Amino acid sequence: MYATHRTTVSTGDAVALGIIATGAVSVAVAALVAGVRAAFEVFGTDPTVAMPVTGGDVEALDGVTDITAAVYTSADVTFASLPTAVSWLLLLEVALPALATIGVCAVAWWLGVSLIRGRPFRASMPAAIGVVACLVIAGGLFGQFAGAWGRAMLVEHLAATDEAVTDVFWIFLLPLDLTPIGWGFALALVAGAFQIGSRLQRDTEGLV
């Protein structure tokens, strides 16, 4: 005979898990708002883009005690308008990481609710975490590439009318951040742990 086994969660734990789940939802909403705001900025009038520049000395800091050197590597440049392709790439730079954040928060909320109900090892939980791990890696890496590609296209667009801009802006610069890969691998490991936990739960629950 088999019966469904549920782990009892104390009131204090349930409250803490509820706060965490609510916080995850709040972060997801903030990420969505950031994506929408980025869309209005890049497709709106007078968009401002952080452009990588070849750099120069920050003369205002010359002579300051304990500062041996100071250079600037980027500049916030306001444009009359952006080419459509550039706007989409700059939007993807923000939207892809935001999508990954929403995915992580969705899984965190689902896990919190499952823990409150005493059923954390759901059969679909490992697959959901695995999908989010892929989103984190892809969103982080492709988002960075989209931003670098968009800025390169913008420099090319400007150079068509004034070649001097290539002496100021980098033609293509991708300061690759590998942090999303680390987080993705960590989530993949969590997915594996839940897969094992789900299997053990199916093997042991309900035996009387």
N, C-alpha and C. Protein backbone atom coordinates (compact mmCIF):
# COMPACT_ATOMS: atom_id res chain seq x y z
N MET A 1 0.84 -1.19 0.00
CA MET A 1 0.00 0.00 0.00
C MET A 1 0.88 1.25 0.00
N TYR A 2 0.50 2.20 -0.78
CA TYR A 2 1.27 3.44 -0.91
C TYR A 2 0.42 4.62 -0.46
N ALA A 3 1.08 5.59 0.17
CA ALA A 3 0.41 6.82 0.60
C ALA A 3 1.36 7.97 0.37
N THR A 4 0.82 9.09 0.09
CA THR A 4 1.65 10.24 -0.17
C THR A 4 2.22 10.78 1.13
N HIS A 5 3.54 10.97 1.17
CA HIS A 5 4.21 11.48 2.37
C HIS A 5 4.51 12.95 2.20
N ARG A 6 4.14 13.74 3.19
CA ARG A 6 4.41 15.17 3.16
C ARG A 6 5.20 15.55 4.41
N THR A 7 6.22 16.35 4.23
CA THR A 7 7.03 16.82 5.34
C THR A 7 6.33 18.00 6.00
N THR A 8 6.22 17.95 7.33
CA THR A 8 5.57 19.03 8.07
C THR A 8 6.52 20.21 8.20
N VAL A 9 6.04 21.39 7.89
CA VAL A 9 6.82 22.61 7.98
C VAL A 9 6.28 23.45 9.12
N SER A 10 7.17 23.92 10.00
CA SER A 10 6.74 24.72 11.14
C SER A 10 6.22 26.07 10.67
N THR A 11 5.49 26.74 11.54
CA THR A 11 4.92 28.04 11.20
C THR A 11 6.03 29.06 10.91
N GLY A 12 7.09 29.03 11.73
CA GLY A 12 8.20 29.96 11.52
C GLY A 12 8.87 29.74 10.18
N ASP A 13 9.10 28.46 9.83
CA ASP A 13 9.71 28.15 8.54
C ASP A 13 8.80 28.57 7.39
N ALA A 14 7.49 28.35 7.56
CA ALA A 14 6.54 28.72 6.51
C ALA A 14 6.55 30.22 6.28
N VAL A 15 6.63 31.00 7.36
CA VAL A 15 6.67 32.46 7.24
C VAL A 15 7.94 32.90 6.52
N ALA A 16 9.09 32.31 6.93
CA ALA A 16 10.36 32.66 6.31
C ALA A 16 10.36 32.31 4.82
N LEU A 17 9.85 31.13 4.48
CA LEU A 17 9.78 30.71 3.09
C LEU A 17 8.83 31.60 2.29
N GLY A 18 7.74 32.02 2.94
CA GLY A 18 6.80 32.91 2.26
C GLY A 18 7.43 34.26 1.96
N ILE A 19 8.24 34.77 2.89
CA ILE A 19 8.93 36.05 2.67
C ILE A 19 9.92 35.92 1.51
N ILE A 20 10.66 34.79 1.49
CA ILE A 20 11.62 34.57 0.41
C ILE A 20 10.92 34.47 -0.94
N ALA A 21 9.81 33.73 -0.98
CA ALA A 21 9.06 33.59 -2.23
C ALA A 21 8.52 34.94 -2.70
N THR A 22 8.03 35.74 -1.75
CA THR A 22 7.52 37.07 -2.10
C THR A 22 8.65 37.96 -2.61
N GLY A 23 9.82 37.85 -1.95
CA GLY A 23 10.98 38.62 -2.42
C GLY A 23 11.38 38.23 -3.83
N ALA A 24 11.31 36.94 -4.14
CA ALA A 24 11.65 36.48 -5.49
C ALA A 24 10.70 37.08 -6.52
N VAL A 25 9.42 37.14 -6.18
CA VAL A 25 8.45 37.74 -7.09
C VAL A 25 8.76 39.23 -7.29
N SER A 26 9.14 39.90 -6.21
CA SER A 26 9.45 41.33 -6.30
C SER A 26 10.65 41.58 -7.20
N VAL A 27 11.68 40.73 -7.08
CA VAL A 27 12.86 40.88 -7.92
C VAL A 27 12.51 40.62 -9.39
N ALA A 28 11.65 39.62 -9.63
CA ALA A 28 11.23 39.32 -11.00
C ALA A 28 10.49 40.51 -11.61
N VAL A 29 9.63 41.14 -10.83
CA VAL A 29 8.90 42.31 -11.32
C VAL A 29 9.87 43.45 -11.61
N ALA A 30 10.86 43.64 -10.73
CA ALA A 30 11.86 44.69 -10.96
C ALA A 30 12.64 44.44 -12.24
N ALA A 31 13.00 43.17 -12.50
CA ALA A 31 13.72 42.83 -13.73
C ALA A 31 12.86 43.11 -14.95
N LEU A 32 11.57 42.79 -14.86
CA LEU A 32 10.65 43.07 -15.97
C LEU A 32 10.54 44.57 -16.23
N VAL A 33 10.43 45.34 -15.15
CA VAL A 33 10.35 46.79 -15.28
C VAL A 33 11.62 47.34 -15.92
N ALA A 34 12.78 46.80 -15.51
CA ALA A 34 14.05 47.26 -16.09
C ALA A 34 14.10 46.98 -17.59
N GLY A 35 13.59 45.83 -18.01
CA GLY A 35 13.56 45.51 -19.43
C GLY A 35 12.65 46.45 -20.20
N VAL A 36 11.48 46.74 -19.64
CA VAL A 36 10.55 47.65 -20.31
C VAL A 36 11.15 49.06 -20.38
N ARG A 37 11.79 49.48 -19.29
CA ARG A 37 12.41 50.81 -19.28
C ARG A 37 13.52 50.91 -20.32
N ALA A 38 14.31 49.83 -20.45
CA ALA A 38 15.37 49.83 -21.45
C ALA A 38 14.80 49.95 -22.86
N ALA A 39 13.66 49.31 -23.10
CA ALA A 39 13.03 49.40 -24.42
C ALA A 39 12.62 50.83 -24.73
N PHE A 40 12.02 51.51 -23.75
CA PHE A 40 11.62 52.90 -23.97
C PHE A 40 12.84 53.79 -24.20
N GLU A 41 13.94 53.49 -23.51
CA GLU A 41 15.13 54.33 -23.64
C GLU A 41 15.79 54.19 -25.01
N VAL A 42 15.99 52.94 -25.46
CA VAL A 42 16.73 52.76 -26.72
C VAL A 42 15.89 53.06 -27.95
N PHE A 43 14.57 52.94 -27.82
CA PHE A 43 13.70 53.24 -28.96
C PHE A 43 13.11 54.64 -28.89
N GLY A 44 13.39 55.35 -27.79
CA GLY A 44 12.84 56.69 -27.63
C GLY A 44 13.73 57.75 -28.25
N THR A 45 13.44 58.99 -27.92
CA THR A 45 14.21 60.12 -28.44
C THR A 45 15.39 60.41 -27.52
N ASP A 46 16.48 60.87 -28.11
CA ASP A 46 17.69 61.21 -27.38
C ASP A 46 18.17 60.09 -26.45
N PRO A 47 18.35 58.89 -26.99
CA PRO A 47 18.83 57.78 -26.15
C PRO A 47 20.29 57.99 -25.74
N THR A 48 20.61 57.60 -24.53
CA THR A 48 21.98 57.70 -24.02
C THR A 48 22.58 56.30 -23.92
N VAL A 49 23.75 56.12 -24.51
CA VAL A 49 24.41 54.82 -24.55
C VAL A 49 25.79 54.94 -23.94
N ALA A 50 26.14 54.00 -23.07
CA ALA A 50 27.49 53.95 -22.52
C ALA A 50 28.42 53.35 -23.57
N MET A 51 29.31 54.17 -24.12
CA MET A 51 30.18 53.76 -25.20
C MET A 51 31.61 53.56 -24.70
N PRO A 52 32.25 52.44 -25.07
CA PRO A 52 33.65 52.24 -24.68
C PRO A 52 34.58 53.13 -25.50
N VAL A 53 35.41 53.88 -24.84
CA VAL A 53 36.31 54.80 -25.52
C VAL A 53 37.75 54.32 -25.33
N THR A 54 38.61 54.81 -26.20
CA THR A 54 40.01 54.39 -26.13
C THR A 54 40.69 54.88 -24.86
N GLY A 55 40.08 55.84 -24.19
CA GLY A 55 40.56 56.25 -22.88
C GLY A 55 41.43 57.48 -22.90
N GLY A 56 41.61 58.04 -21.73
CA GLY A 56 42.44 59.23 -21.57
C GLY A 56 42.59 59.55 -20.10
N ASP A 57 43.47 60.44 -19.79
CA ASP A 57 43.71 60.80 -18.39
C ASP A 57 42.57 61.66 -17.84
N VAL A 58 42.23 61.39 -16.58
CA VAL A 58 41.26 62.23 -15.88
C VAL A 58 42.05 63.38 -15.25
N GLU A 59 42.14 64.47 -15.99
CA GLU A 59 43.02 65.56 -15.58
C GLU A 59 42.59 66.20 -14.26
N ALA A 60 41.29 66.11 -13.92
CA ALA A 60 40.81 66.73 -12.68
C ALA A 60 41.43 66.08 -11.45
N LEU A 61 41.94 64.86 -11.60
CA LEU A 61 42.52 64.15 -10.46
C LEU A 61 44.04 64.26 -10.42
N ASP A 62 44.61 65.00 -11.34
CA ASP A 62 46.06 65.19 -11.33
C ASP A 62 46.49 65.92 -10.06
N GLY A 63 47.49 65.39 -9.41
CA GLY A 63 48.01 66.04 -8.22
C GLY A 63 47.32 65.67 -6.93
N VAL A 64 46.25 64.82 -7.01
CA VAL A 64 45.57 64.39 -5.79
C VAL A 64 46.44 63.39 -5.05
N THR A 65 46.58 63.57 -3.77
CA THR A 65 47.42 62.70 -2.96
C THR A 65 46.94 61.25 -3.03
N ASP A 66 47.89 60.33 -3.14
CA ASP A 66 47.65 58.88 -3.15
C ASP A 66 47.07 58.37 -4.46
N ILE A 67 46.82 59.22 -5.44
CA ILE A 67 46.36 58.77 -6.75
C ILE A 67 47.53 58.88 -7.72
N THR A 68 47.97 57.74 -8.22
CA THR A 68 49.11 57.74 -9.14
C THR A 68 48.68 57.82 -10.59
N ALA A 69 47.45 57.37 -10.90
CA ALA A 69 46.96 57.43 -12.28
C ALA A 69 45.45 57.31 -12.29
N ALA A 70 44.81 57.94 -13.24
CA ALA A 70 43.35 57.86 -13.39
C ALA A 70 43.01 58.03 -14.86
N VAL A 71 42.27 57.06 -15.43
CA VAL A 71 41.87 57.13 -16.83
C VAL A 71 40.39 56.81 -16.93
N TYR A 72 39.76 57.31 -17.97
CA TYR A 72 38.37 56.96 -18.24
C TYR A 72 38.34 55.98 -19.41
N THR A 73 37.43 55.01 -19.35
CA THR A 73 37.33 53.98 -20.38
C THR A 73 35.96 53.95 -21.06
N SER A 74 35.03 54.75 -20.58
CA SER A 74 33.71 54.80 -21.21
C SER A 74 33.13 56.20 -21.07
N ALA A 75 32.13 56.47 -21.90
CA ALA A 75 31.47 57.78 -21.86
C ALA A 75 30.00 57.58 -22.18
N ASP A 76 29.13 58.28 -21.45
CA ASP A 76 27.70 58.26 -21.73
C ASP A 76 27.43 59.24 -22.86
N VAL A 77 27.06 58.69 -24.01
CA VAL A 77 26.88 59.51 -25.22
C VAL A 77 25.39 59.55 -25.57
N THR A 78 24.86 60.73 -25.74
CA THR A 78 23.46 60.90 -26.12
C THR A 78 23.35 61.11 -27.62
N PHE A 79 22.50 60.32 -28.26
CA PHE A 79 22.33 60.36 -29.72
C PHE A 79 20.96 60.93 -30.06
N ALA A 80 20.86 61.52 -31.22
CA ALA A 80 19.56 62.00 -31.69
C ALA A 80 18.61 60.82 -31.88
N SER A 81 19.13 59.73 -32.42
CA SER A 81 18.36 58.49 -32.59
C SER A 81 19.36 57.36 -32.87
N LEU A 82 18.88 56.14 -32.76
CA LEU A 82 19.73 54.98 -33.01
C LEU A 82 19.18 54.19 -34.19
N PRO A 83 20.05 53.56 -34.97
CA PRO A 83 19.57 52.63 -36.00
C PRO A 83 18.74 51.53 -35.35
N THR A 84 17.74 51.07 -36.05
CA THR A 84 16.82 50.08 -35.47
C THR A 84 17.55 48.82 -35.02
N ALA A 85 18.46 48.32 -35.84
CA ALA A 85 19.19 47.11 -35.47
C ALA A 85 20.00 47.31 -34.20
N VAL A 86 20.60 48.48 -34.06
CA VAL A 86 21.37 48.79 -32.85
C VAL A 86 20.45 48.84 -31.64
N SER A 87 19.29 49.43 -31.80
CA SER A 87 18.33 49.51 -30.68
C SER A 87 17.94 48.12 -30.20
N TRP A 88 17.68 47.20 -31.13
CA TRP A 88 17.29 45.84 -30.75
C TRP A 88 18.43 45.12 -30.03
N LEU A 89 19.65 45.30 -30.50
CA LEU A 89 20.79 44.64 -29.86
C LEU A 89 21.03 45.20 -28.45
N LEU A 90 20.91 46.51 -28.30
CA LEU A 90 21.08 47.10 -26.98
C LEU A 90 19.95 46.70 -26.04
N LEU A 91 18.76 46.48 -26.60
CA LEU A 91 17.66 45.99 -25.78
C LEU A 91 17.92 44.56 -25.32
N LEU A 92 18.45 43.73 -26.24
CA LEU A 92 18.77 42.35 -25.87
C LEU A 92 19.83 42.29 -24.78
N GLU A 93 20.73 43.28 -24.77
CA GLU A 93 21.76 43.32 -23.74
C GLU A 93 21.15 43.36 -22.34
N VAL A 94 20.01 44.03 -22.22
CA VAL A 94 19.33 44.14 -20.93
C VAL A 94 18.26 43.06 -20.78
N ALA A 95 17.55 42.77 -21.87
CA ALA A 95 16.41 41.86 -21.80
C ALA A 95 16.82 40.42 -21.52
N LEU A 96 17.91 39.94 -22.12
CA LEU A 96 18.30 38.54 -21.92
C LEU A 96 18.70 38.25 -20.46
N PRO A 97 19.55 39.07 -19.83
CA PRO A 97 19.81 38.83 -18.41
C PRO A 97 18.56 39.00 -17.54
N ALA A 98 17.68 39.95 -17.93
CA ALA A 98 16.44 40.13 -17.18
C ALA A 98 15.56 38.89 -17.28
N LEU A 99 15.51 38.28 -18.46
CA LEU A 99 14.74 37.05 -18.63
C LEU A 99 15.31 35.93 -17.76
N ALA A 100 16.64 35.84 -17.69
CA ALA A 100 17.27 34.83 -16.84
C ALA A 100 16.93 35.09 -15.37
N THR A 101 16.94 36.36 -14.96
CA THR A 101 16.60 36.70 -13.58
C THR A 101 15.16 36.32 -13.26
N ILE A 102 14.26 36.60 -14.19
CA ILE A 102 12.85 36.23 -13.99
C ILE A 102 12.72 34.72 -13.86
N GLY A 103 13.48 33.97 -14.68
CA GLY A 103 13.43 32.51 -14.58
C GLY A 103 13.91 32.00 -13.24
N VAL A 104 15.02 32.56 -12.75
CA VAL A 104 15.55 32.15 -11.44
C VAL A 104 14.53 32.47 -10.35
N CYS A 105 13.95 33.65 -10.41
CA CYS A 105 12.97 34.05 -9.39
C CYS A 105 11.72 33.18 -9.45
N ALA A 106 11.31 32.81 -10.65
CA ALA A 106 10.13 31.94 -10.78
C ALA A 106 10.39 30.59 -10.13
N VAL A 107 11.58 30.03 -10.36
CA VAL A 107 11.91 28.75 -9.74
C VAL A 107 12.03 28.90 -8.23
N ALA A 108 12.62 30.03 -7.77
CA ALA A 108 12.74 30.26 -6.33
C ALA A 108 11.36 30.35 -5.68
N TRP A 109 10.43 31.04 -6.35
CA TRP A 109 9.07 31.13 -5.82
C TRP A 109 8.41 29.75 -5.78
N TRP A 110 8.55 29.00 -6.86
CA TRP A 110 7.94 27.68 -6.93
C TRP A 110 8.52 26.76 -5.85
N LEU A 111 9.85 26.83 -5.67
CA LEU A 111 10.50 26.00 -4.66
C LEU A 111 10.03 26.40 -3.26
N GLY A 112 9.91 27.72 -3.02
CA GLY A 112 9.43 28.17 -1.72
C GLY A 112 8.03 27.66 -1.43
N VAL A 113 7.14 27.75 -2.40
CA VAL A 113 5.77 27.25 -2.22
C VAL A 113 5.77 25.74 -2.01
N SER A 114 6.62 25.03 -2.76
CA SER A 114 6.70 23.57 -2.62
C SER A 114 7.20 23.18 -1.23
N LEU A 115 8.17 23.93 -0.71
CA LEU A 115 8.68 23.65 0.64
C LEU A 115 7.61 23.92 1.69
N ILE A 116 6.84 24.98 1.50
CA ILE A 116 5.76 25.26 2.45
C ILE A 116 4.75 24.12 2.45
N ARG A 117 4.48 23.55 1.29
CA ARG A 117 3.53 22.44 1.19
C ARG A 117 4.15 21.11 1.54
N GLY A 118 5.47 21.10 1.83
CA GLY A 118 6.13 19.87 2.23
C GLY A 118 6.42 18.93 1.07
N ARG A 119 6.45 19.46 -0.15
CA ARG A 119 6.71 18.63 -1.33
C ARG A 119 7.76 19.29 -2.22
N PRO A 120 9.02 19.40 -1.75
CA PRO A 120 10.03 20.10 -2.55
C PRO A 120 10.52 19.29 -3.75
N PHE A 121 10.50 17.95 -3.64
CA PHE A 121 11.08 17.12 -4.70
C PHE A 121 10.03 16.71 -5.72
N ARG A 122 9.51 17.69 -6.41
CA ARG A 122 8.55 17.43 -7.48
C ARG A 122 9.29 16.89 -8.70
N ALA A 123 8.61 16.05 -9.46
CA ALA A 123 9.26 15.42 -10.61
C ALA A 123 9.70 16.44 -11.65
N SER A 124 8.97 17.55 -11.76
CA SER A 124 9.28 18.56 -12.78
C SER A 124 10.28 19.60 -12.29
N MET A 125 10.63 19.59 -11.01
CA MET A 125 11.54 20.60 -10.48
C MET A 125 12.94 20.54 -11.10
N PRO A 126 13.56 19.36 -11.24
CA PRO A 126 14.90 19.32 -11.85
C PRO A 126 14.93 19.88 -13.27
N ALA A 127 13.90 19.56 -14.07
CA ALA A 127 13.85 20.06 -15.44
C ALA A 127 13.72 21.58 -15.45
N ALA A 128 12.90 22.12 -14.54
CA ALA A 128 12.72 23.57 -14.48
C ALA A 128 14.02 24.27 -14.10
N ILE A 129 14.72 23.72 -13.11
CA ILE A 129 15.99 24.32 -12.70
C ILE A 129 17.02 24.20 -13.82
N GLY A 130 17.02 23.07 -14.54
CA GLY A 130 17.94 22.90 -15.66
C GLY A 130 17.69 23.92 -16.76
N VAL A 131 16.43 24.19 -17.06
CA VAL A 131 16.10 25.20 -18.08
C VAL A 131 16.58 26.57 -17.64
N VAL A 132 16.39 26.88 -16.36
CA VAL A 132 16.84 28.18 -15.84
C VAL A 132 18.36 28.28 -15.90
N ALA A 133 19.06 27.18 -15.62
CA ALA A 133 20.53 27.19 -15.72
C ALA A 133 20.96 27.55 -17.14
N CYS A 134 20.29 26.98 -18.12
CA CYS A 134 20.61 27.33 -19.52
C CYS A 134 20.29 28.78 -19.82
N LEU A 135 19.19 29.29 -19.25
CA LEU A 135 18.83 30.69 -19.46
C LEU A 135 19.87 31.63 -18.86
N VAL A 136 20.39 31.27 -17.69
CA VAL A 136 21.38 32.11 -17.03
C VAL A 136 22.65 32.19 -17.88
N ILE A 137 23.10 31.03 -18.37
CA ILE A 137 24.32 31.02 -19.19
C ILE A 137 24.10 31.75 -20.51
N ALA A 138 23.03 31.38 -21.21
CA ALA A 138 22.77 31.98 -22.52
C ALA A 138 22.45 33.47 -22.39
N GLY A 139 21.62 33.83 -21.40
CA GLY A 139 21.26 35.23 -21.23
C GLY A 139 22.45 36.10 -20.89
N GLY A 140 23.31 35.58 -20.00
CA GLY A 140 24.47 36.36 -19.61
C GLY A 140 25.47 36.54 -20.74
N LEU A 141 25.78 35.46 -21.44
CA LEU A 141 26.79 35.54 -22.51
C LEU A 141 26.26 36.23 -23.75
N PHE A 142 25.09 35.83 -24.22
CA PHE A 142 24.54 36.44 -25.44
C PHE A 142 24.14 37.90 -25.20
N GLY A 143 23.75 38.23 -23.97
CA GLY A 143 23.44 39.62 -23.67
C GLY A 143 24.67 40.50 -23.80
N GLN A 144 25.81 40.02 -23.28
CA GLN A 144 27.05 40.77 -23.41
C GLN A 144 27.46 40.91 -24.88
N PHE A 145 27.33 39.82 -25.63
CA PHE A 145 27.71 39.86 -27.04
C PHE A 145 26.80 40.80 -27.83
N ALA A 146 25.51 40.78 -27.51
CA ALA A 146 24.57 41.65 -28.22
C ALA A 146 24.92 43.12 -27.97
N GLY A 147 25.27 43.46 -26.72
CA GLY A 147 25.64 44.83 -26.41
C GLY A 147 26.90 45.26 -27.15
N ALA A 148 27.92 44.38 -27.15
CA ALA A 148 29.17 44.71 -27.84
C ALA A 148 28.95 44.84 -29.34
N TRP A 149 28.15 43.96 -29.90
CA TRP A 149 27.87 44.00 -31.35
C TRP A 149 27.08 45.26 -31.70
N GLY A 150 26.10 45.60 -30.86
CA GLY A 150 25.32 46.81 -31.12
C GLY A 150 26.16 48.07 -31.11
N ARG A 151 27.08 48.15 -30.14
CA ARG A 151 27.96 49.33 -30.08
C ARG A 151 28.92 49.37 -31.27
N ALA A 152 29.38 48.19 -31.70
CA ALA A 152 30.26 48.13 -32.88
C ALA A 152 29.51 48.62 -34.12
N MET A 153 28.26 48.21 -34.27
CA MET A 153 27.46 48.69 -35.40
C MET A 153 27.23 50.19 -35.31
N LEU A 154 27.09 50.70 -34.09
CA LEU A 154 26.87 52.13 -33.92
C LEU A 154 28.13 52.92 -34.30
N VAL A 155 29.29 52.40 -33.92
CA VAL A 155 30.54 53.06 -34.31
C VAL A 155 30.70 53.04 -35.82
N GLU A 156 30.37 51.91 -36.44
CA GLU A 156 30.44 51.82 -37.90
C GLU A 156 29.49 52.82 -38.56
N HIS A 157 28.30 52.96 -37.97
CA HIS A 157 27.32 53.91 -38.50
C HIS A 157 27.84 55.34 -38.40
N LEU A 158 28.46 55.67 -37.28
CA LEU A 158 29.01 57.02 -37.11
C LEU A 158 30.21 57.26 -38.00
N ALA A 159 31.04 56.21 -38.18
CA ALA A 159 32.24 56.35 -39.00
C ALA A 159 31.92 56.58 -40.47
N ALA A 160 30.70 56.24 -40.87
CA ALA A 160 30.32 56.47 -42.26
C ALA A 160 30.28 57.95 -42.60
N THR A 161 30.07 58.79 -41.59
CA THR A 161 30.02 60.24 -41.81
C THR A 161 31.25 60.95 -41.26
N ASP A 162 31.92 60.32 -40.29
CA ASP A 162 33.11 60.95 -39.71
C ASP A 162 34.04 59.84 -39.20
N GLU A 163 35.08 59.57 -39.95
CA GLU A 163 36.00 58.49 -39.59
C GLU A 163 36.77 58.76 -38.30
N ALA A 164 36.75 59.99 -37.83
CA ALA A 164 37.49 60.35 -36.62
C ALA A 164 36.94 59.64 -35.39
N VAL A 165 35.68 59.18 -35.45
CA VAL A 165 35.10 58.53 -34.27
C VAL A 165 35.82 57.23 -33.94
N THR A 166 36.45 56.61 -34.93
CA THR A 166 37.17 55.36 -34.66
C THR A 166 38.43 55.60 -33.84
N ASP A 167 38.86 56.85 -33.75
CA ASP A 167 39.99 57.19 -32.88
C ASP A 167 39.53 57.43 -31.45
N VAL A 168 38.22 57.55 -31.26
CA VAL A 168 37.67 57.81 -29.92
C VAL A 168 37.02 56.57 -29.34
N PHE A 169 36.20 55.88 -30.16
CA PHE A 169 35.48 54.69 -29.69
C PHE A 169 36.19 53.42 -30.16
N TRP A 170 36.11 52.38 -29.33
CA TRP A 170 36.58 51.07 -29.77
C TRP A 170 35.65 50.57 -30.87
N ILE A 171 36.24 50.02 -31.94
CA ILE A 171 35.42 49.48 -33.02
C ILE A 171 34.64 48.25 -32.53
N PHE A 172 35.28 47.40 -31.74
CA PHE A 172 34.58 46.27 -31.11
C PHE A 172 35.30 45.95 -29.81
N LEU A 173 34.54 45.91 -28.73
CA LEU A 173 35.13 45.61 -27.43
C LEU A 173 34.13 44.76 -26.64
N LEU A 174 34.59 43.58 -26.22
CA LEU A 174 33.74 42.68 -25.45
C LEU A 174 34.47 42.28 -24.16
N PRO A 175 34.26 43.03 -23.08
CA PRO A 175 34.86 42.64 -21.79
C PRO A 175 34.06 41.50 -21.17
N LEU A 176 34.36 40.29 -21.62
CA LEU A 176 33.54 39.13 -21.30
C LEU A 176 33.55 38.82 -19.81
N ASP A 177 32.36 38.71 -19.23
CA ASP A 177 32.18 38.33 -17.83
C ASP A 177 31.67 36.88 -17.80
N LEU A 178 32.47 35.98 -17.22
CA LEU A 178 32.12 34.56 -17.20
C LEU A 178 31.29 34.17 -15.98
N THR A 179 30.87 35.14 -15.18
CA THR A 179 30.06 34.83 -14.00
C THR A 179 28.80 34.04 -14.32
N PRO A 180 28.06 34.37 -15.41
CA PRO A 180 26.86 33.58 -15.72
C PRO A 180 27.13 32.09 -15.91
N ILE A 181 28.31 31.74 -16.42
CA ILE A 181 28.64 30.33 -16.59
C ILE A 181 28.75 29.66 -15.23
N GLY A 182 29.41 30.34 -14.28
CA GLY A 182 29.53 29.78 -12.94
C GLY A 182 28.17 29.58 -12.28
N TRP A 183 27.29 30.59 -12.39
CA TRP A 183 25.96 30.45 -11.82
C TRP A 183 25.16 29.35 -12.52
N GLY A 184 25.34 29.25 -13.84
CA GLY A 184 24.63 28.21 -14.58
C GLY A 184 25.05 26.82 -14.14
N PHE A 185 26.36 26.61 -13.96
CA PHE A 185 26.85 25.31 -13.49
C PHE A 185 26.34 25.01 -12.08
N ALA A 186 26.29 26.04 -11.23
CA ALA A 186 25.79 25.85 -9.88
C ALA A 186 24.32 25.43 -9.91
N LEU A 187 23.54 26.08 -10.76
CA LEU A 187 22.12 25.70 -10.88
C LEU A 187 21.97 24.30 -11.46
N ALA A 188 22.84 23.94 -12.41
CA ALA A 188 22.79 22.59 -12.97
C ALA A 188 23.08 21.55 -11.90
N LEU A 189 24.00 21.86 -10.99
CA LEU A 189 24.29 20.95 -9.89
C LEU A 189 23.08 20.83 -8.96
N VAL A 190 22.41 21.96 -8.71
CA VAL A 190 21.20 21.92 -7.88
C VAL A 190 20.13 21.08 -8.56
N ALA A 191 20.01 21.22 -9.89
CA ALA A 191 19.04 20.40 -10.63
C ALA A 191 19.35 18.92 -10.48
N GLY A 192 20.64 18.57 -10.53
CA GLY A 192 21.03 17.18 -10.33
C GLY A 192 20.68 16.69 -8.95
N ALA A 193 20.88 17.54 -7.93
CA ALA A 193 20.54 17.16 -6.57
C ALA A 193 19.05 16.92 -6.42
N PHE A 194 18.24 17.77 -7.05
CA PHE A 194 16.80 17.58 -6.99
C PHE A 194 16.36 16.34 -7.75
N GLN A 195 17.06 16.02 -8.84
CA GLN A 195 16.75 14.81 -9.58
C GLN A 195 16.96 13.58 -8.71
N ILE A 196 18.09 13.56 -7.98
CA ILE A 196 18.38 12.44 -7.08
C ILE A 196 17.36 12.41 -5.94
N GLY A 197 17.04 13.59 -5.39
CA GLY A 197 16.07 13.66 -4.30
C GLY A 197 14.70 13.18 -4.74
N SER A 198 14.29 13.55 -5.95
CA SER A 198 12.99 13.12 -6.46
C SER A 198 12.95 11.60 -6.61
N ARG A 199 14.07 11.03 -7.07
CA ARG A 199 14.12 9.58 -7.24
C ARG A 199 14.04 8.87 -5.89
N LEU A 200 14.78 9.39 -4.90
CA LEU A 200 14.75 8.78 -3.57
C LEU A 200 13.37 8.91 -2.94
N GLN A 201 12.71 10.06 -3.17
CA GLN A 201 11.38 10.25 -2.61
C GLN A 201 10.40 9.27 -3.22
N ARG A 202 10.49 9.03 -4.54
CA ARG A 202 9.58 8.08 -5.17
C ARG A 202 9.84 6.67 -4.67
N ASP A 203 11.10 6.36 -4.36
CA ASP A 203 11.44 5.01 -3.91
C ASP A 203 11.02 4.74 -2.48
N THR A 204 10.89 5.80 -1.67
CA THR A 204 10.64 5.58 -0.23
C THR A 204 9.27 6.01 0.26
N GLU A 205 8.60 6.94 -0.44
CA GLU A 205 7.34 7.46 0.08
C GLU A 205 6.23 6.41 0.02
N GLY A 206 5.38 6.45 1.01
CA GLY A 206 4.18 5.64 1.01
C GLY A 206 4.35 4.20 1.44
N LEU A 207 5.58 3.75 1.76
CA LEU A 207 5.75 2.37 2.19
C LEU A 207 5.25 2.21 3.62
N VAL A 208 4.31 1.32 3.83
CA VAL A 208 3.78 1.07 5.17
C VAL A 208 3.73 -0.42 5.43
